N, C-alpha and C. Protein backbone atom coordinates (compact mmCIF):
# COMPACT_ATOMS: atom_id res chain seq x y z
N LEU A 1 144.66 297.89 135.93
CA LEU A 1 144.59 296.48 135.12
C LEU A 1 144.59 295.50 135.90
N GLU A 2 146.34 295.25 136.26
CA GLU A 2 146.84 294.32 136.73
C GLU A 2 146.04 293.96 138.31
N ARG A 3 145.63 294.70 139.00
CA ARG A 3 144.90 294.79 140.66
C ARG A 3 143.93 294.35 140.06
N TYR A 4 142.89 295.50 139.38
CA TYR A 4 141.80 294.87 138.29
C TYR A 4 141.29 293.37 138.77
N ALA A 5 142.85 292.98 137.33
CA ALA A 5 142.56 291.14 137.03
C ALA A 5 142.90 290.43 138.61
N TYR A 6 143.64 290.89 139.37
CA TYR A 6 143.62 289.91 140.65
C TYR A 6 142.21 289.84 141.03
N GLU A 7 141.83 291.26 141.70
CA GLU A 7 140.67 291.05 142.39
C GLU A 7 139.56 290.32 141.39
N CYS A 8 139.62 290.57 140.38
CA CYS A 8 138.42 289.42 139.39
C CYS A 8 138.75 287.79 139.55
N GLY A 9 140.16 287.41 139.90
CA GLY A 9 140.18 286.25 139.92
C GLY A 9 139.97 285.70 141.20
N LEU A 10 139.97 286.67 142.34
CA LEU A 10 139.74 286.33 143.97
C LEU A 10 138.45 285.87 143.90
N LEU A 11 137.33 286.66 142.52
CA LEU A 11 136.39 286.59 143.00
C LEU A 11 135.71 285.45 142.05
N GLY A 12 136.27 284.62 141.20
CA GLY A 12 136.19 283.62 140.17
C GLY A 12 135.41 284.26 138.96
N ARG A 13 135.88 285.59 138.68
CA ARG A 13 135.35 286.42 137.25
C ARG A 13 136.00 286.12 136.61
N ASP A 14 136.47 285.01 135.40
CA ASP A 14 137.55 284.17 135.05
C ASP A 14 137.77 285.66 133.86
N ASP A 15 136.27 285.44 133.16
CA ASP A 15 136.73 286.19 131.52
C ASP A 15 137.07 288.13 131.91
N ASP A 16 136.41 288.31 132.78
CA ASP A 16 137.29 289.67 133.47
C ASP A 16 138.63 289.98 133.54
N GLN A 17 138.85 288.93 134.31
CA GLN A 17 140.36 288.35 134.76
C GLN A 17 141.31 288.48 133.36
N LEU A 18 141.29 287.50 132.79
CA LEU A 18 141.98 287.17 131.60
C LEU A 18 141.60 288.16 130.47
N GLU A 19 140.88 289.15 130.13
CA GLU A 19 140.66 290.48 129.68
C GLU A 19 141.52 291.43 129.95
N ALA A 20 141.37 291.89 131.39
CA ALA A 20 142.17 293.00 131.95
C ALA A 20 143.71 291.89 132.27
N GLU A 21 144.42 290.95 132.13
CA GLU A 21 145.36 290.61 131.91
C GLU A 21 146.02 291.14 130.59
N GLU A 22 145.16 290.89 129.70
CA GLU A 22 145.72 290.76 128.08
C GLU A 22 145.71 291.93 127.82
N ARG A 23 145.12 292.86 128.33
CA ARG A 23 145.09 294.69 127.71
C ARG A 23 146.44 294.89 128.68
N ALA A 24 146.95 294.98 130.12
CA ALA A 24 147.29 295.15 130.73
C ALA A 24 149.11 294.41 130.18
N LEU A 25 148.89 293.13 129.79
CA LEU A 25 150.25 292.56 128.92
C LEU A 25 150.54 293.18 127.73
N GLU A 26 149.52 293.89 127.07
CA GLU A 26 149.90 295.10 125.45
C GLU A 26 150.31 296.11 126.53
N LEU A 27 150.14 296.39 126.69
CA LEU A 27 150.85 298.30 127.13
C LEU A 27 151.91 297.89 127.98
N TRP A 28 152.26 296.85 128.34
CA TRP A 28 153.97 296.54 129.28
C TRP A 28 154.67 296.30 128.02
N ARG A 29 154.20 295.22 127.00
CA ARG A 29 154.79 295.25 125.86
C ARG A 29 155.10 296.50 125.00
N THR A 30 154.29 297.50 124.54
CA THR A 30 154.01 299.14 124.44
C THR A 30 155.58 299.51 125.10
N ALA A 31 155.15 299.32 126.07
CA ALA A 31 156.25 300.14 127.31
C ALA A 31 157.59 299.76 127.32
N GLY A 32 157.71 298.25 126.92
CA GLY A 32 159.14 297.64 127.07
C GLY A 32 159.66 297.45 128.16
N ASP A 33 158.72 297.25 128.99
CA ASP A 33 158.84 296.61 130.47
C ASP A 33 158.83 295.19 130.80
N VAL A 34 160.19 294.32 130.45
CA VAL A 34 160.14 293.24 130.06
C VAL A 34 159.55 292.53 131.74
N ASN A 35 160.64 293.20 132.95
CA ASN A 35 160.10 292.50 133.94
C ASN A 35 158.87 292.35 134.59
N ARG A 36 158.31 293.74 133.84
CA ARG A 36 156.75 293.77 134.49
C ARG A 36 155.85 292.86 133.61
N LEU A 37 156.41 293.00 132.16
CA LEU A 37 155.71 291.57 131.22
C LEU A 37 155.92 290.57 131.81
N GLY A 38 157.14 290.10 131.49
CA GLY A 38 157.33 288.62 132.19
C GLY A 38 156.87 288.27 133.11
N ARG A 39 156.59 289.09 134.64
CA ARG A 39 156.07 288.98 135.33
C ARG A 39 154.40 288.80 135.42
N LEU A 40 153.73 289.81 134.65
CA LEU A 40 151.89 289.44 134.22
C LEU A 40 152.00 288.22 132.98
N LEU A 41 152.96 288.01 132.37
CA LEU A 41 153.04 286.45 131.58
C LEU A 41 153.07 285.36 132.17
N ALA A 42 153.61 285.54 133.47
CA ALA A 42 153.71 284.12 134.25
C ALA A 42 152.45 284.13 135.19
N ARG A 43 151.75 284.98 135.57
CA ARG A 43 150.39 285.32 135.89
C ARG A 43 149.44 285.02 135.37
N HIS A 44 149.49 285.52 133.95
CA HIS A 44 148.42 285.01 133.05
C HIS A 44 148.18 283.34 132.90
N SER A 45 149.52 283.07 132.76
CA SER A 45 149.78 281.54 132.65
C SER A 45 148.54 280.80 133.70
N GLU A 46 148.73 281.23 135.06
CA GLU A 46 147.77 280.82 136.31
C GLU A 46 146.36 280.82 135.57
N SER A 47 146.31 282.14 135.21
CA SER A 47 144.55 282.45 134.63
C SER A 47 144.12 281.55 133.31
N LEU A 48 144.84 281.27 132.35
CA LEU A 48 144.72 280.38 131.45
C LEU A 48 144.40 279.00 131.98
N TRP A 49 145.00 278.84 132.82
CA TRP A 49 145.12 276.87 133.37
C TRP A 49 143.53 277.12 134.14
N SER A 50 143.41 278.21 134.38
CA SER A 50 142.38 277.95 135.65
C SER A 50 141.06 277.82 134.49
N VAL A 51 141.12 278.30 133.41
CA VAL A 51 139.83 278.33 132.69
C VAL A 51 139.99 277.10 131.84
N GLY A 52 140.97 276.19 131.97
CA GLY A 52 140.86 275.05 130.83
C GLY A 52 141.52 275.36 129.55
N ARG A 53 142.46 276.02 129.73
CA ARG A 53 143.65 276.00 128.50
C ARG A 53 145.41 275.85 128.88
N PRO A 54 145.34 274.33 128.73
CA PRO A 54 146.70 273.89 129.84
C PRO A 54 148.09 274.49 128.72
N ASP A 55 147.38 273.99 127.36
CA ASP A 55 148.83 274.45 126.20
C ASP A 55 149.58 275.76 126.18
N GLU A 56 148.17 277.01 125.82
CA GLU A 56 148.36 278.36 126.02
C GLU A 56 148.76 278.48 127.54
N ALA A 57 148.72 277.90 128.74
CA ALA A 57 149.18 278.43 129.93
C ALA A 57 150.74 277.89 129.93
N TYR A 58 150.93 276.73 128.98
CA TYR A 58 152.26 276.43 129.21
C TYR A 58 153.37 277.16 128.36
N ASP A 59 152.78 277.90 127.40
CA ASP A 59 153.38 278.14 126.73
C ASP A 59 153.51 279.79 127.23
N ALA A 60 152.67 280.14 127.96
CA ALA A 60 152.82 281.50 128.31
C ALA A 60 153.74 281.18 129.59
N ALA A 61 154.11 280.44 130.40
CA ALA A 61 155.18 280.35 131.55
C ALA A 61 156.19 280.11 131.00
N HIS A 62 156.63 279.22 129.42
CA HIS A 62 157.59 279.12 129.61
C HIS A 62 158.19 280.43 128.64
N ARG A 63 157.33 281.24 128.03
CA ARG A 63 158.22 282.70 127.47
C ARG A 63 158.25 283.37 128.42
N ALA A 64 157.68 283.71 129.30
CA ALA A 64 157.95 284.41 130.78
C ALA A 64 159.14 284.35 131.44
N VAL A 65 159.59 282.79 131.41
CA VAL A 65 160.60 282.14 132.12
C VAL A 65 162.16 282.65 131.18
N ALA A 66 161.80 282.43 129.77
CA ALA A 66 162.72 282.81 128.52
C ALA A 66 163.10 283.83 129.04
N MET A 67 161.77 284.83 128.83
CA MET A 67 161.66 286.42 128.33
C MET A 67 162.94 286.75 129.72
N LEU A 68 162.62 286.21 131.13
CA LEU A 68 163.27 287.18 132.23
C LEU A 68 165.07 286.34 132.40
N GLU A 69 165.32 285.13 132.06
CA GLU A 69 166.09 284.52 132.14
C GLU A 69 167.14 285.36 131.35
N ALA A 70 166.89 286.16 130.40
CA ALA A 70 167.64 286.54 129.80
C ALA A 70 168.14 288.11 129.99
N GLN A 71 167.33 288.72 131.53
CA GLN A 71 167.65 289.65 132.23
C GLN A 71 168.58 289.34 133.59
N PRO A 72 169.11 290.62 133.87
CA PRO A 72 169.82 290.33 135.06
C PRO A 72 168.64 289.92 136.11
N GLU A 73 169.09 289.23 136.68
CA GLU A 73 168.31 288.30 138.40
C GLU A 73 167.28 289.40 138.83
N ALA A 74 166.13 289.20 139.00
CA ALA A 74 165.55 289.55 139.62
C ALA A 74 164.33 288.88 140.01
N PRO A 75 163.48 289.57 141.03
CA PRO A 75 162.58 289.09 141.46
C PRO A 75 161.53 288.54 141.12
N PRO A 76 160.99 289.65 139.43
CA PRO A 76 160.34 288.70 138.69
C PRO A 76 160.46 287.32 137.90
N LEU A 77 161.80 286.73 137.94
CA LEU A 77 162.07 285.71 137.57
C LEU A 77 161.85 284.46 138.98
N ALA A 78 161.67 285.15 139.84
CA ALA A 78 161.56 283.76 141.15
C ALA A 78 160.15 283.47 140.87
N ALA A 79 159.61 284.62 140.76
CA ALA A 79 158.39 284.41 140.72
C ALA A 79 157.57 283.60 138.91
N ALA A 80 158.16 283.74 138.46
CA ALA A 80 158.06 282.97 137.02
C ALA A 80 158.23 281.38 137.63
N TYR A 81 159.57 281.06 137.71
CA TYR A 81 159.67 279.85 137.98
C TYR A 81 158.86 279.32 139.19
N ALA A 82 158.49 280.06 139.93
CA ALA A 82 157.24 279.39 140.65
C ALA A 82 156.04 279.26 140.13
N GLN A 83 155.49 279.91 139.10
CA GLN A 83 154.44 279.65 138.28
C GLN A 83 154.60 278.64 137.33
N LEU A 84 155.87 278.33 136.93
CA LEU A 84 156.01 277.12 136.04
C LEU A 84 156.03 276.08 136.63
N ALA A 85 156.60 275.92 137.90
CA ALA A 85 156.52 275.00 138.67
C ALA A 85 155.15 274.61 139.17
N ALA A 86 154.36 275.58 139.38
CA ALA A 86 152.92 275.45 140.01
C ALA A 86 151.71 274.44 138.74
N LEU A 87 152.37 275.18 137.40
CA LEU A 87 151.56 274.30 136.21
C LEU A 87 152.36 272.70 136.32
N ASN A 88 153.69 272.68 136.50
CA ASN A 88 154.09 271.18 136.62
C ASN A 88 153.33 270.31 137.36
N MET A 89 153.26 270.90 138.53
CA MET A 89 152.56 270.32 139.82
C MET A 89 151.08 270.01 139.25
N LEU A 90 150.41 270.81 138.93
CA LEU A 90 148.87 270.43 138.50
C LEU A 90 148.80 269.70 137.61
N GLY A 91 149.65 269.97 136.38
CA GLY A 91 149.55 268.47 135.29
C GLY A 91 150.31 267.07 136.04
N ARG A 92 150.79 267.35 137.17
CA ARG A 92 151.22 266.07 137.92
C ARG A 92 152.45 265.97 137.62
N ARG A 93 153.59 266.59 136.70
CA ARG A 93 154.45 266.68 136.36
C ARG A 93 155.59 266.70 137.60
N VAL A 94 155.26 265.46 138.98
CA VAL A 94 155.55 265.99 140.05
C VAL A 94 157.39 266.62 140.09
N ARG A 95 157.81 265.58 139.76
CA ARG A 95 159.68 266.02 139.62
C ARG A 95 159.87 267.43 139.09
N GLN A 96 159.47 267.85 138.28
CA GLN A 96 159.71 268.65 137.29
C GLN A 96 159.25 269.70 138.10
N ALA A 97 158.17 269.67 138.87
CA ALA A 97 157.51 270.85 139.82
C ALA A 97 158.29 271.02 140.77
N VAL A 98 159.31 269.97 141.52
CA VAL A 98 159.97 270.15 142.92
C VAL A 98 161.09 270.44 141.96
N GLU A 99 161.82 270.32 140.92
CA GLU A 99 162.75 270.85 140.27
C GLU A 99 163.13 272.31 140.27
N VAL A 100 161.98 272.85 139.60
CA VAL A 100 161.82 273.87 139.37
C VAL A 100 161.48 274.89 141.00
N GLY A 101 160.66 274.51 141.37
CA GLY A 101 159.90 275.05 142.14
C GLY A 101 161.13 275.34 143.13
N THR A 102 162.17 274.48 143.55
CA THR A 102 163.13 274.42 144.59
C THR A 102 164.40 275.69 143.88
N ARG A 103 164.25 275.82 142.59
CA ARG A 103 165.08 277.16 142.08
C ARG A 103 164.27 278.16 142.20
N ALA A 104 163.37 278.38 142.01
CA ALA A 104 162.12 279.46 142.45
C ALA A 104 162.53 279.81 144.19
N ALA A 105 162.11 278.28 144.79
CA ALA A 105 162.63 278.97 146.32
C ALA A 105 164.00 279.53 146.39
N ARG A 106 164.89 279.16 145.88
CA ARG A 106 166.16 279.58 146.50
C ARG A 106 166.88 280.66 145.63
N LEU A 107 166.12 281.29 144.68
CA LEU A 107 166.31 282.48 144.02
C LEU A 107 165.55 283.65 144.56
N ALA A 108 164.40 283.38 145.53
CA ALA A 108 163.26 284.07 145.83
C ALA A 108 163.86 284.39 147.53
N GLU A 109 164.47 283.68 147.88
CA GLU A 109 165.22 283.54 149.26
C GLU A 109 166.38 284.70 149.12
N ARG A 110 167.62 284.25 147.88
CA ARG A 110 168.51 285.14 147.60
C ARG A 110 168.33 286.30 147.43
N LEU A 111 167.13 286.96 147.09
CA LEU A 111 166.68 287.99 146.16
C LEU A 111 165.73 288.83 147.21
N GLY A 112 165.39 288.02 148.28
CA GLY A 112 164.61 288.45 149.52
C GLY A 112 163.15 288.68 148.85
N ASP A 113 162.43 288.23 148.00
CA ASP A 113 160.78 287.63 147.61
C ASP A 113 160.50 286.95 148.32
N SER A 114 159.59 287.50 149.42
CA SER A 114 159.18 286.26 150.30
C SER A 114 157.76 286.28 149.50
N ALA A 115 156.95 286.80 148.93
CA ALA A 115 155.87 286.19 148.18
C ALA A 115 156.03 285.20 147.24
N ALA A 116 157.24 285.12 146.48
CA ALA A 116 157.72 284.54 145.42
C ALA A 116 158.33 283.25 146.27
N LEU A 117 159.10 283.17 147.27
CA LEU A 117 159.04 282.33 148.38
C LEU A 117 158.14 281.61 148.64
N ALA A 118 157.14 281.94 148.89
CA ALA A 118 156.11 281.43 149.71
C ALA A 118 155.21 280.69 148.91
N ARG A 119 155.00 281.22 147.46
CA ARG A 119 154.78 280.33 146.37
C ARG A 119 155.34 279.07 146.07
N ALA A 120 156.74 279.50 146.18
CA ALA A 120 157.66 278.21 145.55
C ALA A 120 157.25 277.00 146.86
N LEU A 121 157.28 277.33 147.73
CA LEU A 121 157.43 276.68 148.90
C LEU A 121 156.10 275.60 148.93
N ASN A 122 155.09 276.49 148.58
CA ASN A 122 153.77 276.23 148.22
C ASN A 122 153.68 275.29 147.25
N VAL A 123 154.20 275.06 145.87
CA VAL A 123 154.26 274.52 145.05
C VAL A 123 155.16 273.07 145.47
N VAL A 124 156.09 273.21 146.07
CA VAL A 124 156.99 272.10 146.25
C VAL A 124 156.64 271.03 147.12
N GLY A 125 156.04 271.68 148.70
CA GLY A 125 155.12 271.19 149.37
C GLY A 125 153.90 270.31 148.50
N SER A 126 153.20 270.97 147.82
CA SER A 126 152.11 270.40 147.14
C SER A 126 152.69 269.13 146.10
N ALA A 127 153.56 269.04 145.71
CA ALA A 127 154.29 268.21 144.64
C ALA A 127 154.59 267.13 145.44
N MET A 128 155.19 267.15 146.87
CA MET A 128 156.06 266.60 147.65
C MET A 128 154.96 265.45 148.40
N TRP A 129 153.50 265.88 148.38
CA TRP A 129 152.41 264.68 149.03
C TRP A 129 152.86 263.42 148.06
N PHE A 130 153.49 263.46 147.15
CA PHE A 130 153.73 262.07 146.19
C PHE A 130 154.91 261.49 146.05
N ILE A 131 155.88 262.42 146.85
CA ILE A 131 157.40 261.60 147.25
C ILE A 131 157.22 261.53 148.36
N ASP A 132 157.16 262.67 149.33
CA ASP A 132 157.47 262.54 150.57
C ASP A 132 156.60 263.16 151.44
N PRO A 133 155.44 262.58 151.67
CA PRO A 133 154.24 263.39 152.76
C PRO A 133 155.10 264.06 154.07
N GLU A 134 155.85 263.57 154.74
CA GLU A 134 156.25 264.12 155.79
C GLU A 134 157.11 265.66 155.57
N GLN A 135 157.70 265.92 154.60
CA GLN A 135 158.31 266.90 153.78
C GLN A 135 157.53 267.74 153.53
N ALA A 136 156.29 267.15 152.86
CA ALA A 136 155.46 268.29 151.92
C ALA A 136 154.84 268.88 153.47
N GLU A 137 154.31 268.34 154.13
CA GLU A 137 153.62 269.27 155.25
C GLU A 137 154.05 270.38 156.05
N GLY A 138 155.45 269.82 156.16
CA GLY A 138 156.39 270.97 156.75
C GLY A 138 156.44 272.09 155.75
N LEU A 139 156.73 271.56 154.59
CA LEU A 139 157.19 273.06 153.42
C LEU A 139 155.78 273.84 153.58
N LEU A 140 154.76 272.93 153.52
CA LEU A 140 153.18 274.03 153.30
C LEU A 140 153.36 274.58 154.32
N LEU A 141 153.25 274.32 155.52
CA LEU A 141 153.22 274.68 156.80
C LEU A 141 154.03 276.28 156.88
N ARG A 142 154.84 276.01 156.57
CA ARG A 142 156.40 277.42 156.22
C ARG A 142 155.59 278.33 154.96
N SER A 143 154.86 277.47 153.90
CA SER A 143 154.40 278.62 153.13
C SER A 143 153.23 279.43 153.44
N LEU A 144 152.44 278.68 154.47
CA LEU A 144 151.21 279.36 154.99
C LEU A 144 151.40 280.36 156.40
N GLU A 145 152.45 279.97 156.95
CA GLU A 145 153.41 280.52 157.85
C GLU A 145 153.79 282.54 157.32
N MET A 146 154.63 282.22 156.21
CA MET A 146 154.84 283.15 155.22
C MET A 146 153.85 284.10 155.04
N ALA A 147 153.01 283.72 154.06
CA ALA A 147 151.87 283.91 153.56
C ALA A 147 151.23 285.12 154.71
N ARG A 148 150.82 284.13 156.33
CA ARG A 148 149.87 285.37 157.11
C ARG A 148 150.96 286.56 157.58
N ARG A 149 152.10 285.85 157.77
CA ARG A 149 153.03 287.03 158.16
C ARG A 149 153.08 288.10 157.54
N THR A 150 153.42 287.82 155.73
CA THR A 150 153.11 289.21 154.90
C THR A 150 152.04 289.71 155.03
N GLY A 151 150.39 289.02 155.09
CA GLY A 151 149.50 289.63 155.21
C GLY A 151 148.80 289.01 153.38
N ASP A 152 149.07 288.15 153.07
CA ASP A 152 148.46 287.36 152.30
C ASP A 152 147.51 286.41 152.09
N ASP A 153 146.37 287.13 152.37
CA ASP A 153 145.11 285.96 152.67
C ASP A 153 144.95 285.04 151.54
N SER A 154 145.08 285.23 150.22
CA SER A 154 144.62 284.46 149.15
C SER A 154 145.58 283.07 149.35
N ARG A 155 147.32 283.65 149.11
CA ARG A 155 148.15 282.95 149.37
C ARG A 155 148.09 281.75 150.84
N ALA A 156 147.36 282.53 151.61
CA ALA A 156 147.60 281.31 152.55
C ALA A 156 146.20 280.62 152.17
N ALA A 157 145.12 280.85 151.94
CA ALA A 157 144.11 280.33 151.50
C ALA A 157 144.58 279.11 150.66
N VAL A 158 145.22 279.48 149.78
CA VAL A 158 145.68 278.22 148.77
C VAL A 158 146.38 277.21 149.70
N ALA A 159 147.73 277.64 150.47
CA ALA A 159 148.18 276.73 151.45
C ALA A 159 147.09 275.76 152.27
N MET A 160 146.27 276.48 153.04
CA MET A 160 145.49 275.54 153.50
C MET A 160 144.60 274.67 152.61
N THR A 161 144.21 274.65 151.24
CA THR A 161 143.65 274.18 150.69
C THR A 161 144.98 272.93 150.23
N ASN A 162 145.81 273.58 150.16
CA ASN A 162 146.86 272.08 149.15
C ASN A 162 147.42 271.46 150.79
N LEU A 163 147.43 272.04 151.98
CA LEU A 163 147.62 271.04 152.93
C LEU A 163 146.48 269.83 152.89
N GLY A 164 145.12 270.61 152.48
CA GLY A 164 144.08 269.64 152.92
C GLY A 164 143.67 268.44 151.85
N SER A 165 143.97 268.96 150.71
CA SER A 165 143.60 268.39 149.40
C SER A 165 144.82 267.41 149.46
N GLY A 166 146.12 267.96 148.98
CA GLY A 166 147.22 266.77 149.72
C GLY A 166 146.74 265.62 150.10
N ALA A 167 146.80 266.28 151.80
CA ALA A 167 146.82 265.38 152.22
C ALA A 167 145.62 264.20 152.19
N GLY A 168 144.54 264.50 151.57
CA GLY A 168 143.47 263.83 151.46
C GLY A 168 143.89 262.63 150.06
N GLU A 169 144.42 263.27 149.02
CA GLU A 169 144.95 262.80 148.20
C GLU A 169 145.99 261.11 148.68
N VAL A 170 146.52 261.68 149.43
CA VAL A 170 147.31 260.39 150.12
C VAL A 170 147.21 259.59 151.71
N ARG A 171 145.41 259.87 151.95
CA ARG A 171 144.77 259.15 152.54
C ARG A 171 145.43 259.66 153.83
N ARG A 172 145.65 260.65 154.36
CA ARG A 172 145.71 261.46 155.48
C ARG A 172 144.53 262.06 156.01
N TYR A 173 143.44 261.36 156.06
CA TYR A 173 142.24 261.96 156.28
C TYR A 173 142.24 263.12 157.54
N GLU A 174 142.75 262.89 158.43
CA GLU A 174 142.50 263.49 159.76
C GLU A 174 143.42 265.15 159.54
N THR A 175 144.29 264.76 159.06
CA THR A 175 144.69 266.26 158.53
C THR A 175 143.93 266.73 157.32
N ALA A 176 143.43 266.08 156.13
CA ALA A 176 142.71 266.79 155.35
C ALA A 176 141.71 267.59 155.83
N ASP A 177 140.95 266.86 156.91
CA ASP A 177 139.61 267.39 157.42
C ASP A 177 139.78 268.75 158.07
N ARG A 178 141.14 268.39 158.58
CA ARG A 178 141.22 269.99 159.40
C ARG A 178 141.83 271.04 158.75
N TRP A 179 142.90 270.91 157.85
CA TRP A 179 142.94 272.01 157.10
C TRP A 179 141.63 272.41 155.39
N LEU A 180 141.01 271.71 155.39
CA LEU A 180 140.26 271.78 154.43
C LEU A 180 139.23 272.55 155.27
N LEU A 181 138.52 272.46 156.40
CA LEU A 181 137.69 273.15 157.44
C LEU A 181 137.83 274.50 157.56
N GLU A 182 139.38 274.44 157.87
CA GLU A 182 140.34 275.86 158.51
C GLU A 182 140.08 276.61 157.04
N GLY A 183 140.73 276.14 155.88
CA GLY A 183 140.61 276.72 154.41
C GLY A 183 139.15 277.42 154.51
N LEU A 184 138.34 276.59 154.05
CA LEU A 184 136.95 276.81 154.40
C LEU A 184 136.48 278.35 155.03
N GLN A 185 136.52 278.01 156.22
CA GLN A 185 136.39 279.01 156.91
C GLN A 185 137.14 280.45 156.93
N TRP A 186 138.26 280.23 156.82
CA TRP A 186 139.68 281.54 156.65
C TRP A 186 138.63 282.29 155.09
N ALA A 187 138.82 281.55 153.73
CA ALA A 187 138.41 282.18 152.83
C ALA A 187 136.71 282.88 152.71
N SER A 188 136.06 282.26 153.45
CA SER A 188 134.75 282.62 153.62
C SER A 188 134.76 284.19 154.40
N GLN A 189 135.65 283.92 155.78
CA GLN A 189 136.11 285.46 156.55
C GLN A 189 136.35 286.63 155.09
N ARG A 190 137.07 285.99 154.22
CA ARG A 190 137.90 287.19 153.44
C ARG A 190 136.65 287.53 152.03
N ASP A 191 136.31 286.91 151.75
CA ASP A 191 135.73 286.74 150.72
C ASP A 191 136.05 286.67 149.39
N LEU A 192 136.81 285.28 149.72
CA LEU A 192 138.02 284.49 148.91
C LEU A 192 136.92 283.64 148.06
N ASP A 193 136.08 284.08 147.09
CA ASP A 193 135.18 282.91 146.45
C ASP A 193 135.73 281.93 145.70
N ALA A 194 136.83 282.16 145.12
CA ALA A 194 137.69 281.60 144.25
C ALA A 194 138.40 280.26 145.20
N SER A 195 138.98 280.44 146.34
CA SER A 195 139.27 279.69 147.15
C SER A 195 138.59 278.90 148.05
N ARG A 196 137.17 279.36 148.44
CA ARG A 196 136.28 278.39 148.70
C ARG A 196 135.31 277.52 147.82
N ASP A 197 135.22 277.81 147.00
CA ASP A 197 134.74 277.10 145.66
C ASP A 197 135.62 275.95 145.27
């Protein structure tokens, strides 16, 4: 169900994604697997945000973090921090995004979780466009390199999108054009419909 939900998300099939995630969440609750439940709850918050339900998204992300902080440190906590940071970044709570994203990056690095590290660097880099654009680009390029190295095409597309859109927001149009075009080509070649739109 989780893998199906993930693929639905890549294809922009939001309703199917939400339904599959909710079914999987119930199964993990029943099984009592707090790490799997917390990780999926954090991911579910991203899906909720995508369909315009920000209050529910923040609630799910905070519940995931609280649930995982009560456990021994494990990669799901780094992923949950990264997701909460992402919601803060998308909601333009820039300082909170950098703070929580930096916490996620440090934990992911310590735990050797390259997927969470790539995500955290992406979030912090995206937020930094509004604080220190020079640092933003470097963090996003590091995130992109990690995503490519680990074969995460979707995460690479997000890094390119954030390089392009963030640069555009701070009027660095040459950088924006380059990365938006490259991101569109990347997503099109890999059928990543959600990133292409």
